[in-house]
N, C-alpha and C. Protein backbone atom coordinates (compact mmCIF):
# COMPACT_ATOMS: atom_id res chain seq x y z
N MET A 1 0.67 -1.15 0.29
CA MET A 1 0.24 0.12 0.32
C MET A 1 0.77 1.32 0.06
N ASN A 2 2.17 1.24 0.68
CA ASN A 2 2.87 2.63 0.98
C ASN A 2 4.08 2.19 -0.04
N ASN A 3 3.94 2.66 -1.28
CA ASN A 3 4.76 2.45 -2.33
C ASN A 3 6.03 3.94 -2.22
N LEU A 4 5.63 4.72 -1.07
CA LEU A 4 6.91 6.14 -0.95
C LEU A 4 8.14 5.80 -0.47
N LYS A 5 9.06 5.86 -1.10
CA LYS A 5 10.33 5.62 -0.55
C LYS A 5 10.60 6.41 0.49
N THR A 6 9.81 7.48 0.87
CA THR A 6 10.56 8.50 1.99
C THR A 6 9.49 7.90 3.32
N PRO A 7 9.94 7.71 4.04
CA PRO A 7 9.17 7.03 5.53
C PRO A 7 7.99 7.91 6.28
N VAL A 8 7.05 7.39 6.38
CA VAL A 8 6.07 8.71 7.19
C VAL A 8 5.70 8.55 8.13
N ILE A 9 5.85 9.86 9.28
CA ILE A 9 5.36 9.80 10.02
C ILE A 9 4.10 10.44 10.73
N LEU A 10 3.16 10.03 11.27
CA LEU A 10 1.92 10.56 11.66
C LEU A 10 1.87 11.73 12.73
N ALA A 11 2.28 12.99 12.98
CA ALA A 11 2.53 13.51 14.21
C ALA A 11 1.21 13.86 14.91
N SER A 12 0.90 12.46 15.26
CA SER A 12 -0.56 12.47 16.05
C SER A 12 -1.08 11.29 16.94
N GLN A 13 -1.47 11.09 17.86
CA GLN A 13 -1.99 9.70 18.38
C GLN A 13 -3.63 9.79 18.56
N SER A 14 -3.78 10.79 17.77
CA SER A 14 -5.45 10.14 17.45
C SER A 14 -6.04 8.91 17.22
N PRO A 15 -6.64 8.22 17.44
CA PRO A 15 -6.98 7.12 16.92
C PRO A 15 -7.55 6.89 15.49
N ARG A 16 -8.49 8.32 15.77
CA ARG A 16 -9.42 8.53 14.49
C ARG A 16 -8.37 8.61 13.12
N ARG A 17 -7.44 9.93 13.31
CA ARG A 17 -6.31 9.66 12.82
C ARG A 17 -5.42 8.64 12.35
N ILE A 18 -4.95 7.84 13.23
CA ILE A 18 -4.36 6.76 12.91
C ILE A 18 -4.98 5.65 12.13
N GLY A 19 -6.42 5.65 12.38
CA GLY A 19 -7.38 4.65 11.62
C GLY A 19 -7.37 5.13 10.07
N LEU A 20 -7.57 6.55 9.79
CA LEU A 20 -7.93 7.05 8.56
C LEU A 20 -6.73 6.91 7.61
N LEU A 21 -5.55 7.13 8.32
CA LEU A 21 -4.27 6.71 7.48
C LEU A 21 -3.96 5.23 6.88
N LYS A 22 -4.09 4.32 8.00
CA LYS A 22 -4.15 3.45 7.68
C LYS A 22 -4.80 2.28 6.77
N THR A 23 -5.76 3.51 6.00
CA THR A 23 -6.73 2.84 5.09
C THR A 23 -5.72 3.29 3.39
N VAL A 24 -5.04 4.23 3.42
CA VAL A 24 -3.74 4.56 2.37
C VAL A 24 -2.54 4.23 2.85
N ILE A 25 -2.05 4.12 3.81
CA ILE A 25 -0.70 3.85 4.26
C ILE A 25 -0.63 2.80 4.99
N GLU A 26 0.33 1.64 4.71
CA GLU A 26 0.42 0.46 5.81
C GLU A 26 1.33 0.70 6.49
N ASN A 27 2.75 1.77 6.37
CA ASN A 27 3.70 1.20 7.11
C ASN A 27 3.88 2.76 7.43
N PHE A 28 3.69 3.42 8.25
CA PHE A 28 3.83 4.73 8.88
C PHE A 28 4.06 4.70 10.60
N GLN A 29 4.89 5.90 10.81
CA GLN A 29 5.37 5.40 12.67
C GLN A 29 4.37 6.70 13.23
N ILE A 30 4.02 6.53 14.13
CA ILE A 30 3.11 7.63 15.14
C ILE A 30 4.08 8.50 16.21
N ILE A 31 4.17 9.67 15.59
CA ILE A 31 5.31 10.18 17.05
C ILE A 31 4.18 11.64 17.03
N PRO A 32 3.42 11.67 18.04
CA PRO A 32 2.89 12.98 18.87
C PRO A 32 3.68 14.16 18.88
N SER A 33 3.74 15.58 18.54
CA SER A 33 3.93 16.59 19.05
C SER A 33 3.72 16.90 20.04
N GLU A 34 4.66 17.65 20.45
CA GLU A 34 4.83 18.53 21.94
C GLU A 34 4.46 19.84 22.04
N ILE A 35 3.32 19.99 21.12
CA ILE A 35 3.45 21.32 21.17
C ILE A 35 2.12 22.26 22.26
N ASP A 36 2.26 23.54 22.42
CA ASP A 36 0.90 23.85 23.31
C ASP A 36 0.09 23.84 22.51
N GLU A 37 -1.68 23.23 22.75
CA GLU A 37 -2.02 23.63 21.62
C GLU A 37 -2.94 24.99 21.95
N VAL A 38 -2.77 25.94 21.81
CA VAL A 38 -3.14 27.26 22.13
C VAL A 38 -3.53 28.06 20.81
N CYS A 39 -4.96 28.35 20.89
CA CYS A 39 -5.47 28.93 19.70
C CYS A 39 -5.12 30.46 19.69
N ASN A 40 -4.82 30.90 18.35
CA ASN A 40 -4.81 32.68 18.57
C ASN A 40 -6.29 33.08 18.06
N PHE A 41 -6.82 33.59 18.62
CA PHE A 41 -7.83 34.36 18.86
C PHE A 41 -8.32 35.37 18.02
N ASP A 42 -7.06 36.07 17.40
CA ASP A 42 -7.07 36.89 15.98
C ASP A 42 -7.35 35.99 14.56
N LEU A 43 -7.33 35.11 14.90
CA LEU A 43 -7.72 34.10 13.35
C LEU A 43 -9.02 33.25 13.28
N SER A 44 -9.36 32.77 12.38
CA SER A 44 -10.71 32.15 12.41
C SER A 44 -10.24 30.73 13.17
N PRO A 45 -11.77 30.05 13.18
CA PRO A 45 -11.58 28.83 13.67
C PRO A 45 -10.66 27.76 12.67
N GLU A 46 -11.18 28.30 11.25
CA GLU A 46 -10.06 27.42 10.06
C GLU A 46 -9.15 27.77 10.06
N GLU A 47 -8.46 28.84 10.47
CA GLU A 47 -7.28 29.13 10.44
C GLU A 47 -6.29 28.38 11.46
N ASN A 48 -6.97 28.67 12.69
CA ASN A 48 -6.32 28.51 13.89
C ASN A 48 -6.06 26.81 13.79
N ALA A 49 -7.04 26.22 13.21
CA ALA A 49 -7.06 24.37 12.38
C ALA A 49 -5.76 24.06 12.08
N MET A 50 -5.63 24.92 11.14
CA MET A 50 -4.55 24.57 9.87
C MET A 50 -3.05 25.31 10.23
N LEU A 51 -3.04 26.39 11.45
CA LEU A 51 -2.16 26.43 11.87
C LEU A 51 -1.37 25.95 12.72
N LEU A 52 -2.04 25.12 13.92
CA LEU A 52 -1.68 24.23 14.44
C LEU A 52 -1.50 22.89 14.15
N GLY A 53 -2.29 22.10 12.83
CA GLY A 53 -1.91 21.36 12.66
C GLY A 53 -0.44 21.51 11.87
N ARG A 54 -0.01 22.48 11.19
CA ARG A 54 1.19 22.99 10.81
C ARG A 54 2.03 22.85 11.94
N LYS A 55 1.96 23.65 12.91
CA LYS A 55 2.67 23.28 13.88
C LYS A 55 3.39 22.14 14.23
N LYS A 56 2.11 20.87 14.28
CA LYS A 56 2.62 19.92 14.89
C LYS A 56 2.98 19.13 13.82
N ALA A 57 3.25 19.37 12.77
CA ALA A 57 4.06 18.52 11.42
C ALA A 57 5.18 19.19 11.63
N THR A 58 5.47 20.42 11.75
CA THR A 58 6.59 21.40 12.22
C THR A 58 8.05 20.27 13.01
N PHE A 59 6.90 20.09 14.13
CA PHE A 59 7.46 20.56 15.42
C PHE A 59 8.40 18.70 14.92
N VAL A 60 7.29 18.05 14.41
CA VAL A 60 8.17 16.72 14.48
C VAL A 60 9.18 16.48 13.22
N ALA A 61 8.78 17.38 12.21
CA ALA A 61 9.95 17.35 10.81
C ALA A 61 11.23 17.90 11.53
N LYS A 62 11.16 18.58 12.45
CA LYS A 62 12.55 19.25 12.81
C LYS A 62 13.28 18.07 13.15
N GLN A 63 12.97 17.01 14.07
CA GLN A 63 13.30 16.01 14.48
C GLN A 63 13.65 15.06 13.63
N HIS A 64 12.80 14.46 12.80
CA HIS A 64 12.94 13.53 11.63
C HIS A 64 12.96 14.37 10.01
N PRO A 65 14.09 15.35 9.66
CA PRO A 65 14.13 16.23 8.25
C PRO A 65 13.96 15.24 7.56
N HIS A 66 14.25 13.67 6.93
CA HIS A 66 14.10 13.01 5.88
C HIS A 66 12.94 11.73 5.68
N HIS A 67 11.96 12.69 6.30
CA HIS A 67 10.63 11.88 6.80
C HIS A 67 9.92 12.64 6.20
N LEU A 68 8.63 11.86 5.84
CA LEU A 68 7.30 13.34 5.51
C LEU A 68 6.21 12.77 6.61
N VAL A 69 5.74 13.58 7.11
CA VAL A 69 5.54 14.05 8.39
C VAL A 69 4.27 14.91 7.87
N ILE A 70 2.79 14.19 8.24
CA ILE A 70 1.53 14.72 8.58
C ILE A 70 1.08 14.83 9.64
N GLY A 71 0.34 15.99 10.03
CA GLY A 71 0.25 16.78 11.15
C GLY A 71 -1.55 17.76 10.70
N ALA A 72 -2.37 17.33 11.76
CA ALA A 72 -3.37 17.80 11.94
C ALA A 72 -4.30 18.78 13.04
N ASP A 73 -5.08 19.18 13.53
CA ASP A 73 -5.49 19.69 14.55
C ASP A 73 -7.19 19.78 14.23
N THR A 74 -8.04 19.49 15.29
CA THR A 74 -9.69 19.46 15.17
C THR A 74 -10.33 20.29 15.89
N LEU A 75 -10.53 21.09 15.77
CA LEU A 75 -11.32 22.40 16.50
C LEU A 75 -12.84 22.05 16.55
N VAL A 76 -13.55 22.36 17.78
CA VAL A 76 -15.11 22.27 17.58
C VAL A 76 -15.57 23.70 17.62
N VAL A 77 -16.51 24.32 17.27
CA VAL A 77 -16.62 25.44 17.50
C VAL A 77 -18.64 25.50 17.40
N LEU A 78 -18.71 26.52 18.56
CA LEU A 78 -20.14 26.74 18.67
C LEU A 78 -20.63 28.47 18.77
N GLY A 79 -21.12 28.10 17.66
CA GLY A 79 -21.45 29.96 17.67
C GLY A 79 -20.41 29.80 16.92
N ASN A 80 -19.68 31.22 17.53
CA ASN A 80 -18.50 31.71 16.75
C ASN A 80 -17.13 31.68 18.33
N LYS A 81 -17.49 30.67 18.87
CA LYS A 81 -16.24 30.28 19.89
C LYS A 81 -15.79 28.63 19.60
N ILE A 82 -14.46 28.92 19.90
CA ILE A 82 -13.37 27.41 19.94
C ILE A 82 -13.96 26.89 21.45
N ILE A 83 -14.51 25.76 21.35
CA ILE A 83 -14.80 24.95 22.32
C ILE A 83 -13.13 23.77 22.60
N GLY A 84 -12.83 23.87 23.91
CA GLY A 84 -11.09 23.56 23.97
C GLY A 84 -11.44 21.76 23.94
N LYS A 85 -10.69 21.40 24.04
CA LYS A 85 -10.33 20.25 24.60
C LYS A 85 -10.60 19.83 25.71
N PRO A 86 -11.32 18.82 26.17
CA PRO A 86 -12.24 18.01 27.47
C PRO A 86 -10.90 17.88 28.43
N THR A 87 -10.75 18.44 29.98
CA THR A 87 -9.89 18.26 30.41
C THR A 87 -9.91 16.78 31.31
N ASP A 88 -11.01 16.52 31.45
CA ASP A 88 -11.71 15.17 32.58
C ASP A 88 -12.88 14.88 31.86
N ALA A 89 -13.34 13.87 32.56
CA ALA A 89 -14.34 13.08 32.05
C ALA A 89 -16.01 14.30 32.13
N GLU A 90 -15.80 14.79 33.29
CA GLU A 90 -16.60 15.41 33.97
C GLU A 90 -16.93 16.79 32.80
N ASN A 91 -15.83 17.40 32.74
CA ASN A 91 -16.15 18.25 31.67
C ASN A 91 -15.63 18.21 29.75
N ALA A 92 -16.33 17.05 29.96
CA ALA A 92 -16.55 16.34 28.69
C ALA A 92 -18.13 16.36 28.52
N ARG A 93 -18.52 15.91 29.62
CA ARG A 93 -19.94 15.61 29.70
C ARG A 93 -20.36 17.33 29.54
N GLN A 94 -20.04 18.01 30.21
CA GLN A 94 -20.49 19.38 30.17
C GLN A 94 -20.15 20.17 28.76
N ILE A 95 -19.10 19.78 27.90
CA ILE A 95 -18.96 19.95 27.11
C ILE A 95 -20.52 19.09 25.75
N LEU A 96 -20.38 18.13 25.99
CA LEU A 96 -21.00 17.61 25.00
C LEU A 96 -22.73 17.86 25.74
N SER A 97 -22.81 18.30 27.16
CA SER A 97 -24.54 18.72 26.95
C SER A 97 -24.20 20.40 26.44
N LYS A 98 -23.40 21.31 26.25
CA LYS A 98 -23.68 22.52 25.72
C LYS A 98 -23.91 22.11 23.84
N LEU A 99 -23.40 21.16 23.64
CA LEU A 99 -23.38 20.75 22.11
C LEU A 99 -25.05 20.08 21.64
N SER A 100 -25.18 19.22 22.42
CA SER A 100 -26.42 18.59 22.33
C SER A 100 -27.90 19.59 22.09
N GLY A 101 -27.95 18.93 20.87
CA GLY A 101 -29.09 20.09 20.11
C GLY A 101 -28.95 21.44 19.34
N GLN A 102 -27.54 21.65 19.66
CA GLN A 102 -27.09 22.93 19.13
C GLN A 102 -26.17 22.52 17.74
N GLU A 103 -26.52 23.54 16.55
CA GLU A 103 -25.35 23.71 15.59
C GLU A 103 -24.15 23.86 15.67
N HIS A 104 -23.34 22.76 15.49
CA HIS A 104 -21.75 23.36 15.70
C HIS A 104 -20.65 22.99 14.61
N LYS A 105 -19.78 23.13 14.13
CA LYS A 105 -18.94 22.90 13.45
C LYS A 105 -17.85 21.97 13.95
N VAL A 106 -17.37 21.27 13.33
CA VAL A 106 -15.97 20.51 13.60
C VAL A 106 -15.07 20.58 12.33
N ILE A 107 -14.02 21.24 12.96
CA ILE A 107 -12.89 21.74 11.78
C ILE A 107 -11.67 20.95 11.81
N THR A 108 -11.25 20.15 10.99
CA THR A 108 -9.88 19.85 10.58
C THR A 108 -8.95 20.23 9.89
N GLY A 109 -7.99 21.21 10.28
CA GLY A 109 -7.13 21.50 9.29
C GLY A 109 -5.88 20.68 9.27
């Protein structure tokens, strides 16, 4: 499946991203980035998702310069507010309660 001569790294440990990448590339490494996932509120949610995904890929690529590095970030947006990642199970329940029945966006960049 992976006919690429350049080794591939996924800069994420997201089970969803790992599963998606496995559908098109058989052999790749998983090396999560260690960036602070802080949004720039002067940017749109779409721009933030792209910027964070790029930062993740760049962080890992600097350590592995001869690899193809794939990075992405996903944000949830309710109205015009970016909803952060849950900090624990209770926070996850609170976030899901806010989103329930509300139109919201899930943006990956």
